[in-house]
Amino acid sequence: MQTLPKERRYETLSYLPPLSDAQISKQIQYILDQGYIPAIEFNERSEPTDYFWTLWKLPLFDVRGVQEVLSEVRACRSEYSNQFIRVVGFDNIKQCQILSFIVHKPR
């Protein structure tokens, strides 16, 4: 058995290698299939005690497909390449964030 390299781990899916756009698309499709509202957030740090991230634009209430969300992820990456970026899914019935995952880590 091999030990993972010693490095800081962040949120859901953090033990996997960086997600490709195809893998991110599958996660976004899950968010849409569940009826959740996708949003993109960014922050300088990804510490468990950092509860407030900056919202990239508004949540994507009227999004029709994965490519719309993915294009916003790409736009956020190009604007804030030195920040952590995550995609979140909000449940409008429960009025809370249901899931989130990191889609970009600064180098």
C-alpha atoms as a PDB file:
ATOM      1  CA  MET A   1       0.000   0.000   0.000  1.00  0.00           C
ATOM      2  CA  GLN A   2       1.286   3.468  -0.853  1.00  0.00           C
ATOM      3  CA  THR A   3       0.899   6.542   1.306  1.00  0.00           C
ATOM      4  CA  LEU A   4      -0.462   9.674  -0.342  1.00  0.00           C
ATOM      5  CA  PRO A   5       2.052  12.512  -0.656  1.00  0.00           C
ATOM      6  CA  LYS A   6       1.917  15.001   2.170  1.00  0.00           C
ATOM      7  CA  GLU A   7      -0.054  17.983   0.893  1.00  0.00           C
ATOM      8  CA  ARG A   8      -3.060  20.014   1.914  1.00  0.00           C
ATOM      9  CA  ARG A   9      -6.407  18.442   0.938  1.00  0.00           C
ATOM     10  CA  TYR A  10      -9.426  20.537  -0.033  1.00  0.00           C
ATOM     11  CA  GLU A  11     -13.133  19.699   0.023  1.00  0.00           C
ATOM     12  CA  THR A  12     -14.933  17.061  -2.012  1.00  0.00           C
ATOM     13  CA  LEU A  13     -12.901  15.096  -4.584  1.00  0.00           C
ATOM     14  CA  SER A  14      -9.640  16.618  -3.314  1.00  0.00           C
ATOM     15  CA  TYR A  15      -7.881  13.269  -3.109  1.00  0.00           C
ATOM     16  CA  LEU A  16      -8.228  12.793  -6.860  1.00  0.00           C
ATOM     17  CA  PRO A  17      -5.926  14.310  -9.467  1.00  0.00           C
ATOM     18  CA  PRO A  18      -7.217  17.612 -10.907  1.00  0.00           C
ATOM     19  CA  LEU A  19     -10.496  17.062 -12.737  1.00  0.00           C
ATOM     20  CA  SER A  20     -10.550  17.407 -16.515  1.00  0.00           C
ATOM     21  CA  ASP A  21     -13.249  19.508 -18.155  1.00  0.00           C
ATOM     22  CA  ALA A  22     -15.013  16.263 -19.154  1.00  0.00           C
ATOM     23  CA  GLN A  23     -15.067  15.101 -15.524  1.00  0.00           C
ATOM     24  CA  ILE A  24     -16.232  18.529 -14.342  1.00  0.00           C
ATOM     25  CA  SER A  25     -18.989  18.362 -16.969  1.00  0.00           C
ATOM     26  CA  LYS A  26     -20.252  15.076 -15.498  1.00  0.00           C
ATOM     27  CA  GLN A  27     -20.384  16.611 -12.025  1.00  0.00           C
ATOM     28  CA  ILE A  28     -22.227  19.657 -13.364  1.00  0.00           C
ATOM     29  CA  GLN A  29     -24.677  17.381 -15.185  1.00  0.00           C
ATOM     30  CA  TYR A  30     -25.391  15.675 -11.852  1.00  0.00           C
ATOM     31  CA  ILE A  31     -26.114  19.071 -10.275  1.00  0.00           C
ATOM     32  CA  LEU A  32     -28.547  19.905 -13.080  1.00  0.00           C
ATOM     33  CA  ASP A  33     -30.165  16.434 -13.028  1.00  0.00           C
ATOM     34  CA  GLN A  34     -30.903  16.845  -9.314  1.00  0.00           C
ATOM     35  CA  GLY A  35     -32.578  20.194  -9.943  1.00  0.00           C
ATOM     36  CA  TYR A  36     -29.937  22.130  -8.005  1.00  0.00           C
ATOM     37  CA  ILE A  37     -28.863  25.619  -9.022  1.00  0.00           C
ATOM     38  CA  PRO A  38     -25.173  25.774  -9.980  1.00  0.00           C
ATOM     39  CA  ALA A  39     -22.943  28.652  -8.939  1.00  0.00           C
ATOM     40  CA  ILE A  40     -19.237  29.381  -9.128  1.00  0.00           C
ATOM     41  CA  GLU A  41     -17.231  30.786  -6.228  1.00  0.00           C
ATOM     42  CA  PHE A  42     -13.604  31.736  -5.697  1.00  0.00           C
ATOM     43  CA  ASN A  43     -11.366  32.471  -2.740  1.00  0.00           C
ATOM     44  CA  GLU A  44      -7.689  32.982  -1.934  1.00  0.00           C
ATOM     45  CA  ARG A  45      -7.675  30.055   0.490  1.00  0.00           C
ATOM     46  CA  SER A  46      -9.602  26.831   0.867  1.00  0.00           C
ATOM     47  CA  GLU A  47      -9.476  26.315   4.595  1.00  0.00           C
ATOM     48  CA  PRO A  48     -12.198  24.398   6.447  1.00  0.00           C
ATOM     49  CA  THR A  49     -12.759  27.532   8.547  1.00  0.00           C
ATOM     50  CA  ASP A  50     -13.339  29.770   5.488  1.00  0.00           C
ATOM     51  CA  TYR A  51     -17.103  29.791   5.200  1.00  0.00           C
ATOM     52  CA  PHE A  52     -17.485  32.771   2.894  1.00  0.00           C
ATOM     53  CA  TRP A  53     -16.315  32.626  -0.697  1.00  0.00           C
ATOM     54  CA  THR A  54     -16.847  35.316  -3.329  1.00  0.00           C
ATOM     55  CA  LEU A  55     -19.586  34.506  -5.806  1.00  0.00           C
ATOM     56  CA  TRP A  56     -18.636  34.695  -9.489  1.00  0.00           C
ATOM     57  CA  LYS A  57     -21.512  36.661 -11.001  1.00  0.00           C
ATOM     58  CA  LEU A  58     -24.939  35.445  -9.866  1.00  0.00           C
ATOM     59  CA  PRO A  59     -26.009  31.828  -9.405  1.00  0.00           C
ATOM     60  CA  LEU A  60     -26.907  30.322 -12.770  1.00  0.00           C
ATOM     61  CA  PHE A  61     -30.677  30.166 -12.229  1.00  0.00           C
ATOM     62  CA  ASP A  62     -31.733  29.805 -15.854  1.00  0.00           C
ATOM     63  CA  VAL A  63     -28.904  27.604 -17.096  1.00  0.00           C
ATOM     64  CA  ARG A  64     -29.977  25.187 -19.821  1.00  0.00           C
ATOM     65  CA  GLY A  65     -26.920  22.979 -20.146  1.00  0.00           C
ATOM     66  CA  VAL A  66     -23.539  21.929 -18.896  1.00  0.00           C
ATOM     67  CA  GLN A  67     -21.616  23.990 -21.462  1.00  0.00           C
ATOM     68  CA  GLU A  68     -23.046  27.250 -20.095  1.00  0.00           C
ATOM     69  CA  VAL A  69     -21.746  26.441 -16.622  1.00  0.00           C
ATOM     70  CA  LEU A  70     -18.428  25.178 -17.955  1.00  0.00           C
ATOM     71  CA  SER A  71     -17.903  28.374 -19.951  1.00  0.00           C
ATOM     72  CA  GLU A  72     -18.414  30.392 -16.751  1.00  0.00           C
ATOM     73  CA  VAL A  73     -15.873  28.145 -14.974  1.00  0.00           C
ATOM     74  CA  ARG A  74     -13.382  28.855 -17.762  1.00  0.00           C
ATOM     75  CA  ALA A  75     -14.067  32.597 -17.565  1.00  0.00           C
ATOM     76  CA  CYS A  76     -13.549  32.570 -13.796  1.00  0.00           C
ATOM     77  CA  ARG A  77     -10.322  30.567 -14.236  1.00  0.00           C
ATOM     78  CA  SER A  78      -8.943  33.104 -16.692  1.00  0.00           C
ATOM     79  CA  GLU A  79      -9.862  36.047 -14.434  1.00  0.00           C
ATOM     80  CA  TYR A  80      -8.780  34.490 -11.108  1.00  0.00           C
ATOM     81  CA  SER A  81      -6.084  31.959 -11.977  1.00  0.00           C
ATOM     82  CA  ASN A  82      -4.363  32.634  -8.633  1.00  0.00           C
ATOM     83  CA  GLN A  83      -7.460  31.696  -6.588  1.00  0.00           C
ATOM     84  CA  PHE A  84      -9.252  28.501  -5.608  1.00  0.00           C
ATOM     85  CA  ILE A  85     -12.410  28.058  -7.675  1.00  0.00           C
ATOM     86  CA  ARG A  86     -15.292  25.757  -6.868  1.00  0.00           C
ATOM     87  CA  VAL A  87     -18.666  24.835  -8.291  1.00  0.00           C
ATOM     88  CA  VAL A  88     -21.532  24.601  -5.822  1.00  0.00           C
ATOM     89  CA  GLY A  89     -25.062  23.261  -6.093  1.00  0.00           C
ATOM     90  CA  PHE A  90     -27.878  25.003  -4.227  1.00  0.00           C
ATOM     91  CA  ASP A  91     -31.199  23.370  -3.389  1.00  0.00           C
ATOM     92  CA  ASN A  92     -33.910  26.014  -3.791  1.00  0.00           C
ATOM     93  CA  ILE A  93     -36.358  23.937  -1.711  1.00  0.00           C
ATOM     94  CA  LYS A  94     -34.112  23.419   1.312  1.00  0.00           C
ATOM     95  CA  GLN A  95     -32.514  26.861   0.787  1.00  0.00           C
ATOM     96  CA  CYS A  96     -28.986  25.597   1.308  1.00  0.00           C
ATOM     97  CA  GLN A  97     -25.845  24.506  -0.459  1.00  0.00           C
ATOM     98  CA  ILE A  98     -25.980  20.772  -1.078  1.00  0.00           C
ATOM     99  CA  LEU A  99     -22.586  20.104  -2.635  1.00  0.00           C
ATOM    100  CA  SER A 100     -19.392  21.762  -3.768  1.00  0.00           C
ATOM    101  CA  PHE A 101     -16.152  20.702  -5.382  1.00  0.00           C
ATOM    102  CA  ILE A 102     -12.904  22.418  -6.326  1.00  0.00           C
ATOM    103  CA  VAL A 103     -12.360  22.889 -10.057  1.00  0.00           C
ATOM    104  CA  HIS A 104      -9.177  24.974  -9.907  1.00  0.00           C
ATOM    105  CA  LYS A 105      -6.242  25.235  -7.502  1.00  0.00           C
ATOM    106  CA  PRO A 106      -3.614  27.972  -7.847  1.00  0.00           C
ATOM    107  CA  ARG A 107      -0.110  26.782  -8.639  1.00  0.00           C
END
